[in-house]
All heavy atoms as atom14 arrays in JSON, in Angstrom:
{
  "sequence": "TVVIYLQKAKNAKRIYATLVYSKTNCDEDFYDECGITPE",
  "atom14_mask": [
    [1, 1, 1, 1, 1, 1, 1, 0, 0, 0, 0, 0, 0, 0],
    [1, 1, 1, 1, 1, 1, 1, 0, 0, 0, 0, 0, 0, 0],
    [1, 1, 1, 1, 1, 1, 1, 0, 0, 0, 0, 0, 0, 0],
    [1, 1, 1, 1, 1, 1, 1, 1, 0, 0, 0, 0, 0, 0],
    [1, 1, 1, 1, 1, 1, 1, 1, 1, 1, 1, 1, 0, 0],
    [1, 1, 1, 1, 1, 1, 1, 1, 0, 0, 0, 0, 0, 0],
    [1, 1, 1, 1, 1, 1, 1, 1, 1, 0, 0, 0, 0, 0],
    [1, 1, 1, 1, 1, 1, 1, 1, 1, 0, 0, 0, 0, 0],
    [1, 1, 1, 1, 1, 0, 0, 0, 0, 0, 0, 0, 0, 0],
    [1, 1, 1, 1, 1, 1, 1, 1, 1, 0, 0, 0, 0, 0],
    [1, 1, 1, 1, 1, 1, 1, 1, 0, 0, 0, 0, 0, 0],
    [1, 1, 1, 1, 1, 0, 0, 0, 0, 0, 0, 0, 0, 0],
    [1, 1, 1, 1, 1, 1, 1, 1, 1, 0, 0, 0, 0, 0],
    [1, 1, 1, 1, 1, 1, 1, 1, 1, 1, 1, 0, 0, 0],
    [1, 1, 1, 1, 1, 1, 1, 1, 0, 0, 0, 0, 0, 0],
    [1, 1, 1, 1, 1, 1, 1, 1, 1, 1, 1, 1, 0, 0],
    [1, 1, 1, 1, 1, 0, 0, 0, 0, 0, 0, 0, 0, 0],
    [1, 1, 1, 1, 1, 1, 1, 0, 0, 0, 0, 0, 0, 0],
    [1, 1, 1, 1, 1, 1, 1, 1, 0, 0, 0, 0, 0, 0],
    [1, 1, 1, 1, 1, 1, 1, 0, 0, 0, 0, 0, 0, 0],
    [1, 1, 1, 1, 1, 1, 1, 1, 1, 1, 1, 1, 0, 0],
    [1, 1, 1, 1, 1, 1, 0, 0, 0, 0, 0, 0, 0, 0],
    [1, 1, 1, 1, 1, 1, 1, 1, 1, 0, 0, 0, 0, 0],
    [1, 1, 1, 1, 1, 1, 1, 0, 0, 0, 0, 0, 0, 0],
    [1, 1, 1, 1, 1, 1, 1, 1, 0, 0, 0, 0, 0, 0],
    [1, 1, 1, 1, 1, 1, 0, 0, 0, 0, 0, 0, 0, 0],
    [1, 1, 1, 1, 1, 1, 1, 1, 0, 0, 0, 0, 0, 0],
    [1, 1, 1, 1, 1, 1, 1, 1, 1, 0, 0, 0, 0, 0],
    [1, 1, 1, 1, 1, 1, 1, 1, 0, 0, 0, 0, 0, 0],
    [1, 1, 1, 1, 1, 1, 1, 1, 1, 1, 1, 0, 0, 0],
    [1, 1, 1, 1, 1, 1, 1, 1, 1, 1, 1, 1, 0, 0],
    [1, 1, 1, 1, 1, 1, 1, 1, 0, 0, 0, 0, 0, 0],
    [1, 1, 1, 1, 1, 1, 1, 1, 1, 0, 0, 0, 0, 0],
    [1, 1, 1, 1, 1, 1, 0, 0, 0, 0, 0, 0, 0, 0],
    [1, 1, 1, 1, 0, 0, 0, 0, 0, 0, 0, 0, 0, 0],
    [1, 1, 1, 1, 1, 1, 1, 1, 0, 0, 0, 0, 0, 0],
    [1, 1, 1, 1, 1, 1, 1, 0, 0, 0, 0, 0, 0, 0],
    [1, 1, 1, 1, 1, 1, 1, 0, 0, 0, 0, 0, 0, 0],
    [1, 1, 1, 1, 1, 1, 1, 1, 1, 0, 0, 0, 0, 0]
  ],
  "atom14_positions": [
    [[0.88, -1.16, 0.0], [0.0, 0.0, 0.0], [0.92, 1.21, 0.0], [1.75, 1.36, 0.89], [-0.91, 0.04, 1.25], [-1.68, -1.17, 1.28], [-1.85, 1.22, 1.21], [0.0, 0.0, 0.0], [0.0, 0.0, 0.0], [0.0, 0.0, 0.0], [0.0, 0.0, 0.0], [0.0, 0.0, 0.0], [0.0, 0.0, 0.0], [0.0, 0.0, 0.0]],
    [[0.79, 2.04, -1.03], [1.69, 3.17, -1.2], [0.87, 4.43, -1.45], [-0.08, 4.42, -2.23], [2.64, 2.95, -2.4], [3.66, 4.07, -2.5], [3.32, 1.61, -2.32], [0.0, 0.0, 0.0], [0.0, 0.0, 0.0], [0.0, 0.0, 0.0], [0.0, 0.0, 0.0], [0.0, 0.0, 0.0], [0.0, 0.0, 0.0], [0.0, 0.0, 0.0]],
    [[1.23, 5.51, -0.77], [0.55, 6.78, -0.94], [1.61, 7.87, -1.06], [2.58, 7.89, -0.3], [-0.38, 7.11, 0.25], [-1.04, 8.46, 0.09], [-1.43, 6.02, 0.42], [0.0, 0.0, 0.0], [0.0, 0.0, 0.0], [0.0, 0.0, 0.0], [0.0, 0.0, 0.0], [0.0, 0.0, 0.0], [0.0, 0.0, 0.0], [0.0, 0.0, 0.0]],
    [[1.44, 8.75, -2.05], [2.34, 9.89, -2.18], [1.51, 11.17, -2.22], [0.34, 11.16, -2.63], [3.27, 9.8, -3.41], [2.47, 9.76, -4.71], [4.18, 8.6, -3.3], [3.33, 9.83, -5.94], [0.0, 0.0, 0.0], [0.0, 0.0, 0.0], [0.0, 0.0, 0.0], [0.0, 0.0, 0.0], [0.0, 0.0, 0.0], [0.0, 0.0, 0.0]],
    [[2.1, 12.23, -1.77], [1.46, 13.54, -1.77], [2.18, 14.4, -2.81], [3.39, 14.58, -2.74], [1.58, 14.17, -0.38], [0.95, 15.54, -0.26], [-0.42, 15.71, -0.36], [1.75, 16.66, -0.07], [-0.99, 16.97, -0.25], [1.19, 17.92, 0.05], [-0.18, 18.06, -0.04], [-0.75, 19.32, 0.05], [0.0, 0.0, 0.0], [0.0, 0.0, 0.0]],
    [[1.42, 14.92, -3.76], [1.99, 15.75, -4.82], [1.51, 17.18, -4.66], [0.33, 17.41, -4.36], [1.53, 15.24, -6.19], [1.89, 13.82, -6.56], [1.23, 13.43, -7.89], [3.39, 13.64, -6.64], [0.0, 0.0, 0.0], [0.0, 0.0, 0.0], [0.0, 0.0, 0.0], [0.0, 0.0, 0.0], [0.0, 0.0, 0.0], [0.0, 0.0, 0.0]],
    [[2.41, 18.13, -4.86], [2.03, 19.54, -4.86], [3.07, 20.32, -5.65], [4.15, 19.83, -5.95], [1.9, 20.08, -3.44], [3.2, 20.2, -2.69], [3.03, 20.73, -1.29], [3.73, 20.3, -0.42], [2.13, 21.64, -1.06], [0.0, 0.0, 0.0], [0.0, 0.0, 0.0], [0.0, 0.0, 0.0], [0.0, 0.0, 0.0], [0.0, 0.0, 0.0]],
    [[2.71, 21.54, -5.99], [3.65, 22.4, -6.7], [4.84, 22.7, -5.8], [4.7, 22.9, -4.6], [2.96, 23.69, -7.12], [1.93, 23.48, -8.21], [1.34, 24.78, -8.67], [0.35, 24.52, -9.79], [-0.17, 25.72, -10.38], [0.0, 0.0, 0.0], [0.0, 0.0, 0.0], [0.0, 0.0, 0.0], [0.0, 0.0, 0.0], [0.0, 0.0, 0.0]],
    [[6.02, 22.74, -6.41], [7.25, 22.96, -5.64], [7.2, 24.28, -4.87], [7.69, 24.36, -3.75], [8.46, 22.94, -6.57], [0.0, 0.0, 0.0], [0.0, 0.0, 0.0], [0.0, 0.0, 0.0], [0.0, 0.0, 0.0], [0.0, 0.0, 0.0], [0.0, 0.0, 0.0], [0.0, 0.0, 0.0], [0.0, 0.0, 0.0], [0.0, 0.0, 0.0]],
    [[6.6, 25.31, -5.44], [6.56, 26.61, -4.76], [5.75, 26.57, -3.47], [5.94, 27.41, -2.6], [6.0, 27.69, -5.7], [4.53, 27.52, -6.04], [4.06, 28.63, -6.95], [2.55, 28.49, -7.21], [2.05, 29.5, -8.08], [0.0, 0.0, 0.0], [0.0, 0.0, 0.0], [0.0, 0.0, 0.0], [0.0, 0.0, 0.0], [0.0, 0.0, 0.0]],
    [[4.89, 25.59, -3.3], [4.07, 25.45, -2.09], [4.63, 24.44, -1.09], [4.1, 24.31, 0.0], [2.64, 25.04, -2.47], [1.95, 26.04, -3.36], [2.27, 27.23, -3.35], [1.02, 25.57, -4.16], [0.0, 0.0, 0.0], [0.0, 0.0, 0.0], [0.0, 0.0, 0.0], [0.0, 0.0, 0.0], [0.0, 0.0, 0.0], [0.0, 0.0, 0.0]],
    [[5.67, 23.72, -1.47], [6.16, 22.63, -0.65], [7.05, 23.12, 0.49], [7.86, 24.03, 0.32], [6.95, 21.66, -1.51], [0.0, 0.0, 0.0], [0.0, 0.0, 0.0], [0.0, 0.0, 0.0], [0.0, 0.0, 0.0], [0.0, 0.0, 0.0], [0.0, 0.0, 0.0], [0.0, 0.0, 0.0], [0.0, 0.0, 0.0], [0.0, 0.0, 0.0]],
    [[6.89, 22.5, 1.66], [7.78, 22.79, 2.8], [9.09, 22.04, 2.65], [10.12, 22.47, 3.12], [7.09, 22.41, 4.1], [5.93, 23.32, 4.42], [5.34, 23.02, 5.76], [4.19, 23.99, 6.03], [3.58, 23.8, 7.3], [0.0, 0.0, 0.0], [0.0, 0.0, 0.0], [0.0, 0.0, 0.0], [0.0, 0.0, 0.0], [0.0, 0.0, 0.0]],
    [[9.04, 20.85, 2.03], [10.25, 20.1, 1.69], [9.96, 19.3, 0.43], [8.84, 18.93, 0.16], [10.73, 19.22, 2.83], [9.84, 18.1, 3.23], [10.43, 17.3, 4.4], [10.35, 17.94, 5.67], [9.31, 17.87, 6.49], [8.25, 17.21, 6.15], [9.33, 18.47, 7.64], [0.0, 0.0, 0.0], [0.0, 0.0, 0.0], [0.0, 0.0, 0.0]],
    [[11.02, 19.05, -0.33], [10.89, 18.35, -1.6], [11.75, 17.1, -1.55], [12.96, 17.17, -1.32], [11.32, 19.25, -2.78], [10.39, 20.46, -2.88], [11.31, 18.45, -4.09], [10.82, 21.48, -3.91], [0.0, 0.0, 0.0], [0.0, 0.0, 0.0], [0.0, 0.0, 0.0], [0.0, 0.0, 0.0], [0.0, 0.0, 0.0], [0.0, 0.0, 0.0]],
    [[11.13, 15.95, -1.75], [11.84, 14.68, -1.76], [12.19, 14.25, -3.19], [13.15, 13.54, -3.41], [11.01, 13.59, -1.1], [10.8, 13.84, 0.37], [9.6, 14.36, 0.85], [11.81, 13.57, 1.29], [9.41, 14.6, 2.19], [11.63, 13.81, 2.64], [10.42, 14.32, 3.08], [10.24, 14.56, 4.41], [0.0, 0.0, 0.0], [0.0, 0.0, 0.0]],
    [[11.37, 14.64, -4.14], [11.6, 14.3, -5.54], [10.85, 15.3, -6.4], [9.9, 15.94, -5.94], [11.11, 12.89, -5.83], [0.0, 0.0, 0.0], [0.0, 0.0, 0.0], [0.0, 0.0, 0.0], [0.0, 0.0, 0.0], [0.0, 0.0, 0.0], [0.0, 0.0, 0.0], [0.0, 0.0, 0.0], [0.0, 0.0, 0.0], [0.0, 0.0, 0.0]],
    [[11.27, 15.41, -7.63], [10.6, 16.3, -8.58], [10.06, 15.46, -9.72], [10.82, 14.73, -10.37], [11.6, 17.34, -9.13], [12.12, 18.08, -8.03], [10.92, 18.28, -10.09], [0.0, 0.0, 0.0], [0.0, 0.0, 0.0], [0.0, 0.0, 0.0], [0.0, 0.0, 0.0], [0.0, 0.0, 0.0], [0.0, 0.0, 0.0], [0.0, 0.0, 0.0]],
    [[8.79, 15.56, -9.95], [8.15, 14.89, -11.08], [8.29, 15.81, -12.28], [7.66, 16.87, -12.33], [6.68, 14.6, -10.78], [5.88, 13.95, -11.89], [6.43, 12.57, -12.22], [4.42, 13.84, -11.49], [0.0, 0.0, 0.0], [0.0, 0.0, 0.0], [0.0, 0.0, 0.0], [0.0, 0.0, 0.0], [0.0, 0.0, 0.0], [0.0, 0.0, 0.0]],
    [[9.14, 15.44, -13.2], [9.42, 16.28, -14.35], [8.27, 16.25, -15.33], [7.84, 17.28, -15.85], [10.73, 15.81, -15.05], [10.99, 16.62, -16.3], [11.9, 15.91, -14.09], [0.0, 0.0, 0.0], [0.0, 0.0, 0.0], [0.0, 0.0, 0.0], [0.0, 0.0, 0.0], [0.0, 0.0, 0.0], [0.0, 0.0, 0.0], [0.0, 0.0, 0.0]],
    [[7.71, 15.08, -15.59], [6.65, 14.93, -16.57], [6.01, 13.58, -16.38], [6.65, 12.63, -15.94], [7.26, 15.02, -17.98], [6.24, 15.12, -19.1], [5.58, 16.31, -19.36], [5.96, 14.02, -19.89], [4.67, 16.4, -20.38], [5.05, 14.11, -20.92], [4.4, 15.3, -21.17], [3.48, 15.39, -22.17], [0.0, 0.0, 0.0], [0.0, 0.0, 0.0]],
    [[4.74, 13.45, -16.68], [4.08, 12.16, -16.6], [3.06, 12.05, -17.71], [2.52, 13.05, -18.19], [3.42, 11.96, -15.23], [2.37, 12.89, -15.07], [0.0, 0.0, 0.0], [0.0, 0.0, 0.0], [0.0, 0.0, 0.0], [0.0, 0.0, 0.0], [0.0, 0.0, 0.0], [0.0, 0.0, 0.0], [0.0, 0.0, 0.0], [0.0, 0.0, 0.0]],
    [[2.81, 10.82, -18.12], [1.86, 10.57, -19.2], [1.53, 9.08, -19.2], [2.38, 8.26, -18.88], [2.5, 10.97, -20.53], [1.6, 10.83, -21.72], [2.3, 11.33, -22.98], [1.38, 11.23, -24.16], [2.05, 11.69, -25.38], [0.0, 0.0, 0.0], [0.0, 0.0, 0.0], [0.0, 0.0, 0.0], [0.0, 0.0, 0.0], [0.0, 0.0, 0.0]],
    [[0.32, 8.74, -19.55], [-0.03, 7.33, -19.72], [-0.18, 7.04, -21.2], [-0.42, 7.94, -22.01], [-1.34, 6.99, -18.99], [-2.39, 7.81, -19.51], [-1.21, 7.19, -17.5], [0.0, 0.0, 0.0], [0.0, 0.0, 0.0], [0.0, 0.0, 0.0], [0.0, 0.0, 0.0], [0.0, 0.0, 0.0], [0.0, 0.0, 0.0], [0.0, 0.0, 0.0]],
    [[-0.05, 5.77, -21.55], [-0.15, 5.33, -22.95], [0.77, 6.14, -23.85], [0.35, 6.67, -24.87], [-1.6, 5.41, -23.45], [-2.47, 4.42, -22.74], [-2.01, 3.37, -22.31], [-3.73, 4.74, -22.6], [0.0, 0.0, 0.0], [0.0, 0.0, 0.0], [0.0, 0.0, 0.0], [0.0, 0.0, 0.0], [0.0, 0.0, 0.0], [0.0, 0.0, 0.0]],
    [[2.0, 6.27, -23.46], [2.93, 7.13, -24.19], [3.69, 6.37, -25.26], [3.76, 5.16, -25.27], [3.87, 7.83, -23.24], [4.9, 6.69, -22.33], [0.0, 0.0, 0.0], [0.0, 0.0, 0.0], [0.0, 0.0, 0.0], [0.0, 0.0, 0.0], [0.0, 0.0, 0.0], [0.0, 0.0, 0.0], [0.0, 0.0, 0.0], [0.0, 0.0, 0.0]],
    [[4.26, 7.13, -26.15], [5.09, 6.59, -27.22], [6.36, 7.42, -27.31], [6.72, 8.1, -26.35], [4.32, 6.6, -28.54], [3.73, 7.96, -28.87], [4.29, 8.98, -28.42], [2.73, 8.02, -29.58], [0.0, 0.0, 0.0], [0.0, 0.0, 0.0], [0.0, 0.0, 0.0], [0.0, 0.0, 0.0], [0.0, 0.0, 0.0], [0.0, 0.0, 0.0]],
    [[7.02, 7.41, -28.46], [8.3, 8.09, -28.58], [8.22, 9.6, -28.42], [9.23, 10.27, -28.27], [8.99, 7.75, -29.9], [8.26, 8.22, -31.15], [7.14, 7.3, -31.63], [6.95, 6.21, -31.08], [6.44, 7.69, -32.56], [0.0, 0.0, 0.0], [0.0, 0.0, 0.0], [0.0, 0.0, 0.0], [0.0, 0.0, 0.0], [0.0, 0.0, 0.0]],
    [[7.02, 10.19, -28.47], [6.87, 11.64, -28.29], [7.12, 12.08, -26.85], [7.25, 13.26, -26.58], [5.47, 12.1, -28.7], [5.22, 11.87, -30.17], [6.19, 11.88, -30.94], [4.06, 11.67, -30.55], [0.0, 0.0, 0.0], [0.0, 0.0, 0.0], [0.0, 0.0, 0.0], [0.0, 0.0, 0.0], [0.0, 0.0, 0.0], [0.0, 0.0, 0.0]],
    [[7.16, 11.14, -25.92], [7.27, 11.44, -24.5], [8.46, 12.35, -24.2], [8.32, 13.37, -23.53], [7.39, 10.13, -23.72], [7.5, 10.3, -22.24], [6.39, 10.53, -21.47], [8.74, 10.23, -21.61], [6.47, 10.68, -20.1], [8.84, 10.38, -20.24], [7.71, 10.6, -19.48], [0.0, 0.0, 0.0], [0.0, 0.0, 0.0], [0.0, 0.0, 0.0]],
    [[9.63, 12.01, -24.69], [10.83, 12.8, -24.4], [10.76, 14.17, -25.05], [11.21, 15.16, -24.48], [12.09, 12.04, -24.83], [12.34, 10.84, -23.97], [11.97, 9.56, -24.38], [12.9, 10.98, -22.7], [12.18, 8.46, -23.56], [13.11, 9.9, -21.88], [12.74, 8.63, -22.32], [12.94, 7.56, -21.51], [0.0, 0.0, 0.0], [0.0, 0.0, 0.0]],
    [[10.2, 14.26, -26.25], [10.03, 15.56, -26.9], [9.1, 16.46, -26.09], [9.38, 17.65, -25.91], [9.47, 15.4, -28.32], [10.45, 14.73, -29.26], [11.67, 14.8, -28.99], [9.99, 14.12, -30.24], [0.0, 0.0, 0.0], [0.0, 0.0, 0.0], [0.0, 0.0, 0.0], [0.0, 0.0, 0.0], [0.0, 0.0, 0.0], [0.0, 0.0, 0.0]],
    [[8.01, 15.9, -25.6], [7.02, 16.68, -24.86], [7.56, 17.22, -23.54], [7.21, 18.32, -23.12], [5.76, 15.85, -24.6], [4.98, 15.54, -25.86], [3.83, 14.59, -25.6], [3.56, 14.25, -24.43], [3.19, 14.17, -26.58], [0.0, 0.0, 0.0], [0.0, 0.0, 0.0], [0.0, 0.0, 0.0], [0.0, 0.0, 0.0], [0.0, 0.0, 0.0]],
    [[8.41, 16.47, -22.86], [8.91, 16.93, -21.56], [10.24, 17.66, -21.67], [10.74, 18.19, -20.68], [9.0, 15.78, -20.56], [10.21, 14.53, -20.94], [0.0, 0.0, 0.0], [0.0, 0.0, 0.0], [0.0, 0.0, 0.0], [0.0, 0.0, 0.0], [0.0, 0.0, 0.0], [0.0, 0.0, 0.0], [0.0, 0.0, 0.0], [0.0, 0.0, 0.0]],
    [[10.82, 17.68, -22.85], [12.05, 18.45, -23.05], [13.3, 17.81, -22.48], [14.26, 18.51, -22.14], [0.0, 0.0, 0.0], [0.0, 0.0, 0.0], [0.0, 0.0, 0.0], [0.0, 0.0, 0.0], [0.0, 0.0, 0.0], [0.0, 0.0, 0.0], [0.0, 0.0, 0.0], [0.0, 0.0, 0.0], [0.0, 0.0, 0.0], [0.0, 0.0, 0.0]],
    [[13.3, 16.5, -22.37], [14.47, 15.77, -21.86], [14.86, 14.73, -22.9], [14.01, 14.03, -23.44], [14.17, 15.09, -20.51], [13.94, 16.13, -19.44], [15.29, 14.14, -20.12], [13.57, 15.57, -18.1], [0.0, 0.0, 0.0], [0.0, 0.0, 0.0], [0.0, 0.0, 0.0], [0.0, 0.0, 0.0], [0.0, 0.0, 0.0], [0.0, 0.0, 0.0]],
    [[16.14, 14.62, -23.18], [16.59, 13.59, -24.11], [16.95, 12.32, -23.34], [17.3, 12.39, -22.15], [17.83, 14.06, -24.89], [18.91, 14.22, -23.97], [17.56, 15.36, -25.64], [0.0, 0.0, 0.0], [0.0, 0.0, 0.0], [0.0, 0.0, 0.0], [0.0, 0.0, 0.0], [0.0, 0.0, 0.0], [0.0, 0.0, 0.0], [0.0, 0.0, 0.0]],
    [[16.87, 11.18, -23.98], [17.27, 9.94, -23.31], [18.7, 9.99, -22.78], [19.02, 9.36, -21.77], [17.12, 8.87, -24.4], [16.07, 9.42, -25.31], [16.3, 10.91, -25.31], [0.0, 0.0, 0.0], [0.0, 0.0, 0.0], [0.0, 0.0, 0.0], [0.0, 0.0, 0.0], [0.0, 0.0, 0.0], [0.0, 0.0, 0.0], [0.0, 0.0, 0.0]],
    [[19.56, 10.78, -23.43], [20.96, 10.87, -22.99], [21.08, 11.59, -21.64], [22.08, 11.44, -20.95], [21.79, 11.63, -24.03], [21.93, 10.89, -25.35], [20.7, 11.02, -26.24], [20.03, 12.07, -26.24], [20.39, 10.03, -26.93], [0.0, 0.0, 0.0], [0.0, 0.0, 0.0], [0.0, 0.0, 0.0], [0.0, 0.0, 0.0], [0.0, 0.0, 0.0]]
  ]
}
């Protein structure tokens, strides 16, 4: 059983991780959309 709390970084009291981008049913466009290369 896993629960995470997500909020905008500007509102966070502490940051454990940053979610750069998320998407379901994705294809090769994923990296283009989030602006990160596989490298």
